C-alpha atoms as a PDB file:
ATOM      1  CA  MET A   1       0.502   0.040  -0.302  1.00  0.00           C
ATOM      2  CA  THR A   2       1.988   3.103  -0.905  1.00  0.00           C
ATOM      3  CA  ILE A   3       0.720   6.863  -1.332  1.00  0.00           C
ATOM      4  CA  THR A   4       3.015   9.218  -4.474  1.00  0.00           C
ATOM      5  CA  THR A   5       2.163  13.075  -5.214  1.00  0.00           C
ATOM      6  CA  PHE A   6       1.389  14.386  -7.830  1.00  0.00           C
ATOM      7  CA  GLY A   7       2.208  17.627  -9.014  1.00  0.00           C
ATOM      8  CA  LEU A   8      -0.496  19.180 -11.017  1.00  0.00           C
ATOM      9  CA  GLY A   9      -2.700  21.725 -12.364  1.00  0.00           C
ATOM     10  CA  PRO A  10      -1.535  25.985 -11.932  1.00  0.00           C
ATOM     11  CA  LEU A  11      -1.670  26.296  -8.798  1.00  0.00           C
ATOM     12  CA  GLN A  12       0.489  23.040  -8.713  1.00  0.00           C
ATOM     13  CA  THR A  13      -2.219  21.498  -6.623  1.00  0.00           C
ATOM     14  CA  ASN A  14      -1.524  17.472  -4.678  1.00  0.00           C
ATOM     15  CA  CYS A  15      -3.170  14.990  -7.011  1.00  0.00           C
ATOM     16  CA  TYR A  16      -2.677  12.104  -4.522  1.00  0.00           C
ATOM     17  CA  LEU A  17      -2.691   8.293  -6.129  1.00  0.00           C
ATOM     18  CA  LEU A  18      -3.085   5.407  -3.519  1.00  0.00           C
ATOM     19  CA  GLU A  19      -2.042   1.529  -4.749  1.00  0.00           C
ATOM     20  CA  ASN A  20      -3.414  -1.269  -3.453  1.00  0.00           C
ATOM     21  CA  ASP A  21      -2.718  -4.828  -5.186  1.00  0.00           C
ATOM     22  CA  GLY A  22      -2.633  -3.993  -8.029  1.00  0.00           C
ATOM     23  CA  LYS A  23      -5.393  -1.145  -7.465  1.00  0.00           C
ATOM     24  CA  ALA A  24      -5.482   2.217  -6.996  1.00  0.00           C
ATOM     25  CA  VAL A  25      -7.418   5.723  -6.391  1.00  0.00           C
ATOM     26  CA  VAL A  26      -6.802   9.046  -7.033  1.00  0.00           C
ATOM     27  CA  VAL A  27      -7.903  11.717  -4.418  1.00  0.00           C
ATOM     28  CA  ASP A  28      -8.344  15.103  -6.551  1.00  0.00           C
ATOM     29  CA  PRO A  29      -6.776  15.407 -10.171  1.00  0.00           C
ATOM     30  CA  GLY A  30      -6.497  18.980 -10.794  1.00  0.00           C
ATOM     31  CA  GLY A  31      -4.127  18.675 -14.106  1.00  0.00           C
ATOM     32  CA  ASP A  32      -2.929  17.310 -16.581  1.00  0.00           C
ATOM     33  CA  PRO A  33      -3.512  14.106 -16.365  1.00  0.00           C
ATOM     34  CA  SER A  34      -0.615  12.151 -18.337  1.00  0.00           C
ATOM     35  CA  GLU A  35       2.015  11.491 -15.506  1.00  0.00           C
ATOM     36  CA  VAL A  36      -0.857   9.379 -13.611  1.00  0.00           C
ATOM     37  CA  LEU A  37      -0.849   7.673 -16.329  1.00  0.00           C
ATOM     38  CA  ALA A  38       1.844   7.216 -16.918  1.00  0.00           C
ATOM     39  CA  HIS A  39       2.854   5.696 -13.556  1.00  0.00           C
ATOM     40  CA  LEU A  40      -0.662   3.342 -13.808  1.00  0.00           C
ATOM     41  CA  LYS A  41       0.720   2.228 -16.951  1.00  0.00           C
ATOM     42  CA  ALA A  42       4.369   1.971 -15.618  1.00  0.00           C
ATOM     43  CA  HIS A  43       3.038  -0.530 -11.877  1.00  0.00           C
ATOM     44  CA  ASP A  44      -0.069  -2.506 -14.744  1.00  0.00           C
ATOM     45  CA  LEU A  45      -2.579  -0.712 -11.679  1.00  0.00           C
ATOM     46  CA  GLU A  46      -6.583  -0.286 -12.157  1.00  0.00           C
ATOM     47  CA  LEU A  47      -7.922   3.277 -11.192  1.00  0.00           C
ATOM     48  CA  THR A  48     -11.121   1.692  -9.034  1.00  0.00           C
ATOM     49  CA  HIS A  49     -11.290   6.103  -8.804  1.00  0.00           C
ATOM     50  CA  ILE A  50     -11.370   9.357  -8.854  1.00  0.00           C
ATOM     51  CA  LEU A  51     -11.665  10.844  -5.453  1.00  0.00           C
ATOM     52  CA  ASN A  52     -12.945  14.690  -4.884  1.00  0.00           C
ATOM     53  CA  THR A  53     -12.231  15.738  -1.458  1.00  0.00           C
ATOM     54  CA  HIS A  54     -13.908  18.974  -2.342  1.00  0.00           C
ATOM     55  CA  ILE A  55     -15.195  20.111  -6.771  1.00  0.00           C
ATOM     56  CA  HIS A  56     -13.028  23.749  -6.697  1.00  0.00           C
ATOM     57  CA  PHE A  57     -11.717  23.934  -9.961  1.00  0.00           C
ATOM     58  CA  ASP A  58      -7.882  23.420  -9.204  1.00  0.00           C
ATOM     59  CA  HIS A  59      -8.525  19.912  -7.812  1.00  0.00           C
ATOM     60  CA  THR A  60     -10.675  18.595 -10.908  1.00  0.00           C
ATOM     61  CA  TYR A  61      -9.105  20.291 -14.099  1.00  0.00           C
ATOM     62  CA  GLY A  62      -8.436  16.895 -15.016  1.00  0.00           C
ATOM     63  CA  ASN A  63     -11.109  15.197 -14.040  1.00  0.00           C
ATOM     64  CA  LYS A  64     -12.860  14.460 -16.778  1.00  0.00           C
ATOM     65  CA  ALA A  65      -9.087  13.654 -18.802  1.00  0.00           C
ATOM     66  CA  LEU A  66      -7.743  10.656 -16.306  1.00  0.00           C
ATOM     67  CA  SER A  67     -12.142   9.058 -16.101  1.00  0.00           C
ATOM     68  CA  GLU A  68     -11.784   8.740 -19.974  1.00  0.00           C
ATOM     69  CA  ALA A  69      -9.175   7.256 -20.325  1.00  0.00           C
ATOM     70  CA  THR A  70      -9.839   4.590 -17.175  1.00  0.00           C
ATOM     71  CA  GLY A  71     -13.549   4.258 -16.758  1.00  0.00           C
ATOM     72  CA  ALA A  72     -12.858   5.201 -13.169  1.00  0.00           C
ATOM     73  CA  PRO A  73     -15.970   7.714 -11.669  1.00  0.00           C
ATOM     74  CA  ILE A  74     -15.395  10.519 -10.403  1.00  0.00           C
ATOM     75  CA  LEU A  75     -16.858  10.737  -6.439  1.00  0.00           C
ATOM     76  CA  CYS A  76     -17.876  13.439  -4.415  1.00  0.00           C
ATOM     77  CA  HIS A  77     -20.869  15.062  -2.400  1.00  0.00           C
ATOM     78  CA  GLN A  78     -24.305  16.450  -3.465  1.00  0.00           C
ATOM     79  CA  ASP A  79     -23.756  19.558  -0.913  1.00  0.00           C
ATOM     80  CA  ASP A  80     -20.699  20.824  -3.053  1.00  0.00           C
ATOM     81  CA  LEU A  81     -22.682  20.011  -6.718  1.00  0.00           C
ATOM     82  CA  VAL A  82     -23.596  23.487  -5.691  1.00  0.00           C
ATOM     83  CA  LEU A  83     -20.334  24.729  -7.159  1.00  0.00           C
ATOM     84  CA  LEU A  84     -20.678  23.413 -10.357  1.00  0.00           C
ATOM     85  CA  GLU A  85     -22.995  26.944 -11.126  1.00  0.00           C
ATOM     86  CA  ASN A  86     -19.966  29.358 -10.522  1.00  0.00           C
ATOM     87  CA  TRP A  87     -15.861  30.177 -11.251  1.00  0.00           C
ATOM     88  CA  LEU A  88     -15.332  28.232  -8.034  1.00  0.00           C
ATOM     89  CA  GLY A  89     -15.554  25.036  -9.824  1.00  0.00           C
ATOM     90  CA  ARG A  90     -16.365  26.227 -12.733  1.00  0.00           C
ATOM     91  CA  GLY A  91     -13.056  27.972 -13.156  1.00  0.00           C
ATOM     92  CA  GLY A  92     -12.539  30.611 -15.961  1.00  0.00           C
ATOM     93  CA  ASP A  93     -11.458  33.151 -14.173  1.00  0.00           C
ATOM     94  CA  MET A  94      -8.494  35.039 -13.037  1.00  0.00           C
ATOM     95  CA  GLY A  95      -6.575  34.035 -16.457  1.00  0.00           C
ATOM     96  CA  LEU A  96      -7.798  29.767 -15.681  1.00  0.00           C
ATOM     97  CA  PRO A  97      -8.522  27.577 -17.860  1.00  0.00           C
ATOM     98  CA  PRO A  98     -12.702  26.732 -17.133  1.00  0.00           C
ATOM     99  CA  VAL A  99     -12.285  23.722 -16.413  1.00  0.00           C
ATOM    100  CA  ASP A 100     -14.044  20.321 -18.569  1.00  0.00           C
ATOM    101  CA  GLU A 101     -17.467  19.127 -18.243  1.00  0.00           C
ATOM    102  CA  TYR A 102     -17.401  15.731 -16.131  1.00  0.00           C
ATOM    103  CA  GLN A 103     -20.120  13.296 -15.019  1.00  0.00           C
ATOM    104  CA  VAL A 104     -19.659  13.397 -11.269  1.00  0.00           C
ATOM    105  CA  GLN A 105     -21.593  10.520  -8.404  1.00  0.00           C
ATOM    106  CA  THR A 106     -22.357  11.572  -5.199  1.00  0.00           C
ATOM    107  CA  ILE A 107     -21.303   9.612  -1.831  1.00  0.00           C
ATOM    108  CA  GLU A 108     -22.303   9.882   0.849  1.00  0.00           C
ATOM    109  CA  PRO A 109     -19.650   9.553   4.618  1.00  0.00           C
ATOM    110  CA  GLY A 110     -19.846   6.764   6.147  1.00  0.00           C
ATOM    111  CA  SER A 111     -17.801   3.566   5.525  1.00  0.00           C
ATOM    112  CA  ALA A 112     -16.195   2.946   1.693  1.00  0.00           C
ATOM    113  CA  ASN A 113     -13.996   0.389   0.401  1.00  0.00           C
ATOM    114  CA  PHE A 114     -11.869   1.581  -2.466  1.00  0.00           C
ATOM    115  CA  ALA A 115      -9.589  -0.490  -4.561  1.00  0.00           C
ATOM    116  CA  GLY A 116     -10.204  -3.733  -1.636  1.00  0.00           C
ATOM    117  CA  MET A 117      -9.009  -0.637   0.957  1.00  0.00           C
ATOM    118  CA  GLU A 118     -11.855   0.381   3.613  1.00  0.00           C
ATOM    119  CA  CYS A 119     -12.213   3.261   4.433  1.00  0.00           C
ATOM    120  CA  THR A 120     -13.977   5.759   5.833  1.00  0.00           C
ATOM    121  CA  VAL A 121     -15.460   8.883   4.778  1.00  0.00           C
ATOM    122  CA  PHE A 122     -16.115  12.033   6.442  1.00  0.00           C
ATOM    123  CA  LEU A 123     -18.154  15.274   5.716  1.00  0.00           C
ATOM    124  CA  THR A 124     -16.264  17.590   6.919  1.00  0.00           C
ATOM    125  CA  PRO A 125     -17.456  21.141   5.514  1.00  0.00           C
ATOM    126  CA  GLY A 126     -16.643  24.524   6.266  1.00  0.00           C
ATOM    127  CA  HIS A 127     -14.155  25.089   3.359  1.00  0.00           C
ATOM    128  CA  SER A 128     -16.683  24.116   0.684  1.00  0.00           C
ATOM    129  CA  PRO A 129     -20.158  23.158   1.692  1.00  0.00           C
ATOM    130  CA  GLY A 130     -20.074  19.415   0.505  1.00  0.00           C
ATOM    131  CA  SER A 131     -16.136  18.792   1.622  1.00  0.00           C
ATOM    132  CA  LEU A 132     -14.676  14.999   2.290  1.00  0.00           C
ATOM    133  CA  THR A 133     -12.022  13.629   4.442  1.00  0.00           C
ATOM    134  CA  TYR A 134     -11.191  10.871   2.791  1.00  0.00           C
ATOM    135  CA  TYR A 135      -9.199   8.384   5.126  1.00  0.00           C
ATOM    136  CA  PHE A 136      -7.594   5.161   5.099  1.00  0.00           C
ATOM    137  CA  PRO A 137      -7.289   3.616   8.778  1.00  0.00           C
ATOM    138  CA  GLU A 138      -4.530   1.029   7.059  1.00  0.00           C
ATOM    139  CA  ALA A 139      -2.257   3.378   5.357  1.00  0.00           C
ATOM    140  CA  GLY A 140      -2.793   5.154   7.782  1.00  0.00           C
ATOM    141  CA  ALA A 141      -3.602   8.477   6.093  1.00  0.00           C
ATOM    142  CA  ALA A 142      -6.745  10.897   5.513  1.00  0.00           C
ATOM    143  CA  PHE A 143      -7.243  13.567   2.647  1.00  0.00           C
ATOM    144  CA  VAL A 144      -8.233  16.779   3.939  1.00  0.00           C
ATOM    145  CA  GLY A 145      -8.368  19.125   0.856  1.00  0.00           C
ATOM    146  CA  ASP A 146      -8.404  22.273   1.744  1.00  0.00           C
ATOM    147  CA  LEU A 147      -9.888  21.761   4.795  1.00  0.00           C
ATOM    148  CA  ILE A 148      -6.771  21.923   6.947  1.00  0.00           C
ATOM    149  CA  PHE A 149      -2.532  22.593   6.228  1.00  0.00           C
ATOM    150  CA  TYR A 150       0.819  22.114   7.684  1.00  0.00           C
ATOM    151  CA  ARG A 151       0.099  25.212  10.918  1.00  0.00           C
ATOM    152  CA  SER A 152      -2.025  26.634   8.614  1.00  0.00           C
ATOM    153  CA  ILE A 153      -6.089  25.968   7.494  1.00  0.00           C
ATOM    154  CA  GLY A 154      -8.235  26.042   4.097  1.00  0.00           C
ATOM    155  CA  ARG A 155      -9.611  29.401   3.511  1.00  0.00           C
ATOM    156  CA  THR A 156     -13.046  30.307   4.647  1.00  0.00           C
ATOM    157  CA  ASP A 157     -14.128  33.958   2.013  1.00  0.00           C
ATOM    158  CA  PHE A 158     -14.909  31.495  -0.827  1.00  0.00           C
ATOM    159  CA  PRO A 159     -19.045  31.540  -1.963  1.00  0.00           C
ATOM    160  CA  GLY A 160     -20.064  28.542   1.308  1.00  0.00           C
ATOM    161  CA  GLY A 161     -17.261  28.188   3.273  1.00  0.00           C
ATOM    162  CA  ASP A 162     -17.282  29.081   6.779  1.00  0.00           C
ATOM    163  CA  LEU A 163     -14.950  29.336   9.254  1.00  0.00           C
ATOM    164  CA  GLU A 164     -16.814  28.361  12.407  1.00  0.00           C
ATOM    165  CA  VAL A 165     -18.038  25.418  10.136  1.00  0.00           C
ATOM    166  CA  LEU A 166     -14.361  24.349   9.149  1.00  0.00           C
ATOM    167  CA  THR A 167     -12.766  24.348  12.675  1.00  0.00           C
ATOM    168  CA  ARG A 168     -15.970  22.650  14.137  1.00  0.00           C
ATOM    169  CA  SER A 169     -15.385  19.443  11.257  1.00  0.00           C
ATOM    170  CA  VAL A 170     -11.560  19.887  11.975  1.00  0.00           C
ATOM    171  CA  ARG A 171     -11.821  18.827  15.630  1.00  0.00           C
ATOM    172  CA  GLU A 172     -14.902  16.710  15.570  1.00  0.00           C
ATOM    173  CA  HIS A 173     -13.267  14.593  13.193  1.00  0.00           C
ATOM    174  CA  ILE A 174      -9.398  15.189  12.594  1.00  0.00           C
ATOM    175  CA  PHE A 175      -8.460  15.886  15.577  1.00  0.00           C
ATOM    176  CA  THR A 176     -10.389  12.274  16.973  1.00  0.00           C
ATOM    177  CA  LEU A 177      -8.192  10.123  14.631  1.00  0.00           C
ATOM    178  CA  PRO A 178      -4.948   8.629  15.348  1.00  0.00           C
ATOM    179  CA  PRO A 179      -2.465  11.565  16.456  1.00  0.00           C
ATOM    180  CA  GLU A 180       0.048   9.850  14.589  1.00  0.00           C
ATOM    181  CA  THR A 181      -2.678   9.853  11.105  1.00  0.00           C
ATOM    182  CA  ARG A 182      -0.673  11.357   8.693  1.00  0.00           C
ATOM    183  CA  LEU A 183      -2.572  14.259   7.146  1.00  0.00           C
ATOM    184  CA  LEU A 184      -2.188  15.462   3.115  1.00  0.00           C
ATOM    185  CA  SER A 185      -3.617  18.038   2.133  1.00  0.00           C
ATOM    186  CA  GLY A 186      -4.507  19.707  -1.453  1.00  0.00           C
ATOM    187  CA  HIS A 187      -1.188  22.258  -1.074  1.00  0.00           C
ATOM    188  CA  GLY A 188       1.491  21.982   0.761  1.00  0.00           C
ATOM    189  CA  PRO A 189       3.985  19.953   3.029  1.00  0.00           C
ATOM    190  CA  GLU A 190       1.609  16.437   4.721  1.00  0.00           C
ATOM    191  CA  THR A 191       1.552  16.753   8.429  1.00  0.00           C
ATOM    192  CA  THR A 192      -0.073  14.525  11.747  1.00  0.00           C
ATOM    193  CA  ALA A 193      -3.292  14.648  12.911  1.00  0.00           C
ATOM    194  CA  GLY A 194      -1.544  15.276  17.054  1.00  0.00           C
ATOM    195  CA  ASP A 195       1.233  17.567  14.855  1.00  0.00           C
ATOM    196  CA  GLU A 196      -1.279  20.077  14.277  1.00  0.00           C
ATOM    197  CA  MET A 197      -3.540  19.328  17.144  1.00  0.00           C
ATOM    198  CA  ASN A 198      -0.452  20.673  19.590  1.00  0.00           C
ATOM    199  CA  HIS A 199       0.331  23.290  16.981  1.00  0.00           C
ATOM    200  CA  ASN A 200      -1.698  24.713  15.055  1.00  0.00           C
ATOM    201  CA  PRO A 201      -2.472  27.931  15.290  1.00  0.00           C
ATOM    202  CA  TYR A 202      -5.763  28.139  14.529  1.00  0.00           C
ATOM    203  CA  PHE A 203      -6.121  25.334  17.655  1.00  0.00           C
ATOM    204  CA  GLN A 204      -3.630  26.031  20.308  1.00  0.00           C
ATOM    205  CA  GLY A 205      -6.837  26.358  23.396  1.00  0.00           C
ATOM    206  CA  TYR A 206      -8.312  22.863  22.236  1.00  0.00           C
END
């Protein structure tokens, strides 16, 4: 069970590939997925799912191309679908390209299995209305999108963002994970749940 990171797209969004026993899932393909496809081919991996932590444009630029190349479904939470009505989901603003339209399947919080790996899906809104965290206990890793970063948190000033909701999501779903759990964010370096609980300036006194 290994995790490979790719920096994709105009904002160099962290795209993750988690592989297990000949199968794989990809989290947040934020740009041209050529590198991801090459890795899948080189390691003879079957991509079973494309998991979006949220559907802001910088996490979805590669959704359509990766799905069409592999047949893997794209998953997100229904509360984020409203973002497809504005630039946050469609792109095309601030000089950035539009996102190619893609078909999505919605997923609810709870237990799931991706590529033969048990996963707990948490609804962790705050950065976006339907932001999801995908926690793979066997890998000791949680893919948190833009919910929390190394010593920081996701922006809450975009439409659908809410600082109070975000901090509650972190406290209820991230800081209750085993402290050694790797937090794999949409941008920047990885960290751990325990390290952020103890040192993230937004949560001192928790």
